[in-house]
Amino acid sequence: MLQRAALLAFTALCPLATALAADLPRRNYAPDLFSPAPVTTWSGFYAGAQVGYAWGSDQTHIDVPGFPFTFSGPGHDLSGAVGGVHAGYNLQTGLAVFGVEGDLELAGVDGKTQLSGSGSFPGYRITSSLDLAFQGSVRGRLGFAMLDRMMIYGTGGLSFASMENRYTATLPPGNIFGVPAGTTSAKFDETRWGWTVGAGVEYAILSNWTARFEYRYTNYSAYENTASLLSAGAKSEQDPDFHTLRIGASYRF
């Protein structure tokens, strides 16, 4: 009898408890808009921008036919800022990421040195300068995906740059070259080709956005310009190379 009374009381109270619970205030949680979705693959197209700082050196040697000496200068420093855009494509297989990337940058990298002859030349003053206005590269990339959001990679390929070489010579009267006394100059603005290699790390900060930090070494090998401001047939040899640190961001399509 007591069991039946308890059952009847429980049945009567259940609807009341449900109604009271429905009237209690509820806490509404706002969606978390800033939590990045897990990155499961690096495959696909991407594009972005980067800035950095470059430093390096250049060697200048001027050979003058018919004269038993060479004008040369110490390896002078080159430095300046770079910045531009990049785009590429990745294909991920397991943890390995294969890719190709191209970049184009404006640059303010320059340097200057004064040359001296192998003998004594009082009153002779010859300078050489290099100004890099823009540069770019086409490279392969090989990466390794780590911790779902991070990739370390190596990169290498062809590089190109617009290089302006300027030579200025101040010569005294009766100079050994037989040219008029005073100051003359010559300028050469050419696109030079070389190679570049480096490594970096990239991290997915949001589902479609990544940030990167990269180091690259670039070498344009030795090349020659004419130095006719001294003598017909005179040639100047340059040998620039650069180190560059960059930070950048990319959008994955």
Protein backbone atom coordinates (compact mmCIF):
# COMPACT_ATOMS: atom_id res chain seq x y z
CA MET A 1 0.00 0.00 0.00
CA LEU A 2 2.83 2.36 0.90
CA GLN A 3 4.65 1.50 -2.34
CA ARG A 4 1.57 2.34 -4.38
CA ALA A 5 1.17 5.71 -2.62
CA ALA A 6 4.84 6.59 -3.25
CA LEU A 7 4.51 5.72 -6.93
CA LEU A 8 1.43 7.90 -7.29
CA ALA A 9 3.20 10.81 -5.58
CA PHE A 10 6.29 10.49 -7.88
CA THR A 11 4.07 10.41 -10.97
CA ALA A 12 2.31 13.56 -9.87
CA LEU A 13 5.53 15.45 -9.13
CA CYS A 14 7.39 14.66 -12.42
CA PRO A 15 5.42 17.13 -14.61
CA LEU A 16 5.86 19.83 -11.97
CA ALA A 17 9.65 19.32 -11.84
CA THR A 18 9.86 19.45 -15.63
CA ALA A 19 7.91 22.70 -15.74
CA LEU A 20 10.09 24.31 -13.08
CA ALA A 21 13.26 23.29 -14.91
CA ALA A 22 11.95 24.85 -18.11
CA ASP A 23 11.50 28.16 -16.32
CA LEU A 24 15.10 28.31 -15.01
CA PRO A 25 17.44 30.83 -16.79
CA ARG A 26 19.81 29.36 -19.36
CA ARG A 27 23.41 30.46 -20.12
CA ASN A 28 23.97 31.05 -23.84
CA TYR A 29 27.58 30.58 -24.99
CA ALA A 30 28.79 32.82 -27.83
CA PRO A 31 30.52 30.94 -30.63
CA ASP A 32 34.33 31.09 -30.47
CA LEU A 33 35.14 32.94 -33.68
CA PHE A 34 38.89 33.10 -33.12
CA SER A 35 39.78 29.47 -32.50
CA PRO A 36 41.67 28.23 -35.57
CA ALA A 37 40.37 25.07 -37.09
CA PRO A 38 42.90 22.22 -37.10
CA VAL A 39 45.00 22.14 -40.25
CA THR A 40 44.93 18.62 -41.65
CA THR A 41 46.65 19.29 -44.96
CA TRP A 42 49.00 21.85 -46.49
CA SER A 43 47.88 21.02 -50.02
CA GLY A 44 46.59 23.79 -52.26
CA PHE A 45 47.33 27.22 -53.66
CA TYR A 46 48.42 30.16 -51.48
CA ALA A 47 49.59 33.76 -51.84
CA GLY A 48 50.95 36.35 -49.47
CA ALA A 49 53.47 39.07 -48.67
CA GLN A 50 56.82 39.31 -46.91
CA VAL A 51 59.37 41.83 -45.62
CA GLY A 52 62.96 41.34 -44.59
CA TYR A 53 66.52 42.55 -44.29
CA ALA A 54 69.42 41.61 -46.57
CA TRP A 55 73.15 41.90 -46.03
CA GLY A 56 76.13 40.70 -48.03
CA SER A 57 79.32 41.70 -49.80
CA ASP A 58 80.74 42.46 -53.23
CA GLN A 59 84.25 42.33 -54.71
CA THR A 60 85.44 44.67 -57.48
CA HIS A 61 88.50 44.15 -59.72
CA ILE A 62 89.32 46.30 -62.76
CA ASP A 63 91.80 44.96 -65.29
CA VAL A 64 93.27 47.43 -67.79
CA PRO A 65 94.83 45.82 -70.91
CA GLY A 66 98.40 46.89 -71.53
CA PHE A 67 98.99 47.96 -67.93
CA PRO A 68 100.74 45.63 -65.47
CA PHE A 69 98.40 46.27 -62.56
CA THR A 70 94.82 45.77 -61.33
CA PHE A 71 92.59 48.22 -59.51
CA SER A 72 90.78 46.42 -56.71
CA GLY A 73 88.89 47.17 -53.55
CA PRO A 74 88.26 45.32 -50.31
CA GLY A 75 85.09 43.25 -50.09
CA HIS A 76 82.58 45.96 -49.25
CA ASP A 77 79.34 45.56 -47.36
CA LEU A 78 75.91 45.57 -48.98
CA SER A 79 72.75 45.94 -46.90
CA GLY A 80 69.15 47.11 -46.98
CA ALA A 81 65.47 46.23 -46.69
CA VAL A 82 63.44 44.02 -49.03
CA GLY A 83 59.71 43.46 -49.34
CA GLY A 84 57.22 42.01 -51.79
CA VAL A 85 54.76 39.25 -52.60
CA HIS A 86 54.86 35.48 -53.10
CA ALA A 87 52.59 32.72 -54.41
CA GLY A 88 52.84 28.97 -54.68
CA TYR A 89 51.30 25.52 -54.51
CA ASN A 90 51.79 22.67 -52.02
CA LEU A 91 51.01 18.97 -52.30
CA GLN A 92 51.07 16.97 -49.06
CA THR A 93 51.69 13.21 -49.01
CA GLY A 94 51.67 11.86 -45.49
CA LEU A 95 53.96 14.17 -43.49
CA ALA A 96 55.96 15.25 -46.57
CA VAL A 97 54.98 18.49 -48.32
CA PHE A 98 56.19 19.16 -51.88
CA GLY A 99 55.78 22.63 -53.36
CA VAL A 100 56.81 25.30 -55.82
CA GLU A 101 56.93 29.03 -55.06
CA GLY A 102 57.77 32.30 -56.76
CA ASP A 103 58.38 35.74 -55.24
CA LEU A 104 59.04 39.29 -56.42
CA GLU A 105 60.44 42.02 -54.18
CA LEU A 106 61.44 45.67 -54.19
CA ALA A 107 64.84 46.20 -52.60
CA GLY A 108 66.96 48.98 -51.19
CA VAL A 109 70.23 47.07 -50.96
CA ASP A 110 73.41 48.98 -51.81
CA GLY A 111 77.09 49.47 -51.02
CA LYS A 112 80.18 51.37 -52.19
CA THR A 113 83.97 50.99 -52.12
CA GLN A 114 87.08 52.90 -53.20
CA LEU A 115 89.58 51.07 -55.40
CA SER A 116 93.33 51.31 -55.24
CA GLY A 117 95.99 50.28 -57.73
CA SER A 118 98.77 47.78 -57.12
CA GLY A 119 101.29 50.62 -57.46
CA SER A 120 101.49 54.22 -56.25
CA PHE A 121 98.97 56.48 -58.01
CA PRO A 122 98.76 59.87 -56.27
CA GLY A 123 95.75 61.88 -57.37
CA TYR A 124 93.87 58.86 -58.72
CA ARG A 125 90.47 58.14 -57.15
CA ILE A 126 88.28 55.30 -58.47
CA THR A 127 85.07 54.14 -56.78
CA SER A 128 82.63 51.31 -57.44
CA SER A 129 79.05 51.05 -56.17
CA LEU A 130 76.24 48.50 -56.43
CA ASP A 131 72.51 49.21 -56.05
CA LEU A 132 69.94 46.39 -56.11
CA ALA A 133 66.47 47.74 -57.01
CA PHE A 134 64.32 44.60 -57.24
CA GLN A 135 64.75 40.85 -57.07
CA GLY A 136 62.81 37.62 -57.34
CA SER A 137 63.09 33.85 -57.43
CA VAL A 138 61.43 30.65 -58.61
CA ARG A 139 62.04 27.80 -56.15
CA GLY A 140 61.07 24.33 -55.11
CA ARG A 141 60.10 23.60 -51.50
CA LEU A 142 60.31 20.37 -49.49
CA GLY A 143 58.65 20.43 -46.09
CA PHE A 144 57.80 18.22 -43.14
CA ALA A 145 54.43 18.71 -41.38
CA MET A 146 54.67 18.75 -37.58
CA LEU A 147 52.19 19.11 -34.69
CA ASP A 148 49.25 19.49 -37.12
CA ARG A 149 49.84 23.26 -37.53
CA MET A 150 53.57 23.66 -38.17
CA MET A 151 55.79 22.86 -41.13
CA ILE A 152 59.57 23.12 -41.43
CA TYR A 153 60.94 23.32 -44.97
CA GLY A 154 63.95 23.75 -47.18
CA THR A 155 63.86 25.73 -50.42
CA GLY A 156 66.09 26.40 -53.41
CA GLY A 157 66.07 27.49 -57.03
CA LEU A 158 66.80 30.31 -59.47
CA SER A 159 67.07 33.96 -58.48
CA PHE A 160 67.23 37.18 -60.49
CA ALA A 161 67.86 40.81 -59.63
CA SER A 162 68.15 44.25 -61.21
CA MET A 163 71.67 45.45 -60.38
CA GLU A 164 73.05 48.89 -61.08
CA ASN A 165 76.85 49.13 -61.07
CA ARG A 166 78.34 52.60 -61.18
CA TYR A 167 82.04 53.44 -61.59
CA THR A 168 83.54 56.88 -61.02
CA ALA A 169 87.13 57.84 -61.80
CA THR A 170 88.87 61.08 -60.80
CA LEU A 171 92.18 61.31 -62.69
CA PRO A 172 94.97 63.93 -62.53
CA PRO A 173 96.47 65.71 -65.55
CA GLY A 174 98.95 63.57 -67.44
CA ASN A 175 97.50 60.36 -66.07
CA ILE A 176 98.87 57.05 -67.30
CA PHE A 177 95.66 56.24 -69.20
CA GLY A 178 96.03 59.24 -71.48
CA VAL A 179 92.44 60.42 -70.89
CA PRO A 180 91.42 63.98 -70.00
CA ALA A 181 91.87 64.99 -66.37
CA GLY A 182 88.77 65.30 -64.21
CA THR A 183 85.91 63.06 -63.08
CA THR A 184 84.07 60.64 -65.36
CA SER A 185 81.53 57.92 -64.59
CA ALA A 186 79.85 54.92 -66.19
CA LYS A 187 76.67 53.11 -65.20
CA PHE A 188 75.47 49.58 -66.02
CA ASP A 189 71.92 48.47 -65.20
CA GLU A 190 71.36 44.79 -65.93
CA THR A 191 69.22 41.87 -64.77
CA ARG A 192 71.51 39.24 -63.28
CA TRP A 193 70.70 35.56 -62.67
CA GLY A 194 71.92 33.38 -59.83
CA TRP A 195 70.81 30.76 -57.33
CA THR A 196 69.31 30.80 -53.85
CA VAL A 197 68.89 28.23 -51.04
CA GLY A 198 67.43 28.43 -47.56
CA ALA A 199 65.11 27.07 -44.91
CA GLY A 200 62.15 28.21 -42.87
CA VAL A 201 59.27 27.40 -40.57
CA GLU A 202 55.57 28.05 -41.28
CA TYR A 203 52.69 27.96 -38.78
CA ALA A 204 48.92 27.93 -39.33
CA ILE A 205 47.58 30.74 -37.14
CA LEU A 206 44.01 30.38 -38.51
CA SER A 207 42.34 27.87 -40.78
CA ASN A 208 43.31 29.83 -43.94
CA TRP A 209 46.19 31.99 -42.71
CA THR A 210 49.80 31.03 -42.06
CA ALA A 211 52.84 32.95 -40.79
CA ARG A 212 56.44 32.21 -41.78
CA PHE A 213 60.05 32.93 -40.84
CA GLU A 214 62.70 32.23 -43.48
CA TYR A 215 66.45 32.54 -44.11
CA ARG A 216 67.97 32.39 -47.60
CA TYR A 217 71.45 32.72 -49.10
CA THR A 218 71.65 34.11 -52.65
CA ASN A 219 74.65 34.16 -54.98
CA TYR A 220 74.80 35.85 -58.40
CA SER A 221 78.27 34.54 -59.29
CA ALA A 222 80.96 36.71 -60.87
CA TYR A 223 80.10 38.89 -63.87
CA GLU A 224 81.89 41.56 -65.91
CA ASN A 225 81.19 45.13 -67.02
CA THR A 226 83.29 47.23 -69.37
CA ALA A 227 85.33 50.00 -67.75
CA SER A 228 86.07 52.16 -70.77
CA LEU A 229 86.18 55.29 -68.60
CA LEU A 230 89.78 54.21 -67.90
CA SER A 231 90.83 52.59 -71.14
CA ALA A 232 89.32 50.87 -74.16
CA GLY A 233 88.93 47.17 -73.35
CA ALA A 234 89.18 47.60 -69.58
CA LYS A 235 86.85 45.28 -67.66
CA SER A 236 85.45 45.31 -64.15
CA GLU A 237 84.55 42.06 -62.39
CA GLN A 238 81.88 41.95 -59.66
CA ASP A 239 81.04 39.07 -57.33
CA PRO A 240 78.04 39.84 -55.05
CA ASP A 241 76.25 37.52 -52.62
CA PHE A 242 73.55 38.08 -49.98
CA HIS A 243 71.99 36.70 -46.80
CA THR A 244 68.34 37.55 -46.13
CA LEU A 245 65.96 37.07 -43.19
CA ARG A 246 62.24 37.37 -43.94
CA ILE A 247 58.91 37.22 -42.12
CA GLY A 248 55.66 36.83 -44.03
CA ALA A 249 52.02 35.79 -44.06
CA SER A 250 50.09 33.70 -46.58
CA TYR A 251 46.43 33.04 -47.35
CA ARG A 252 45.55 29.45 -48.29
CA PHE A 253 42.81 29.14 -50.92
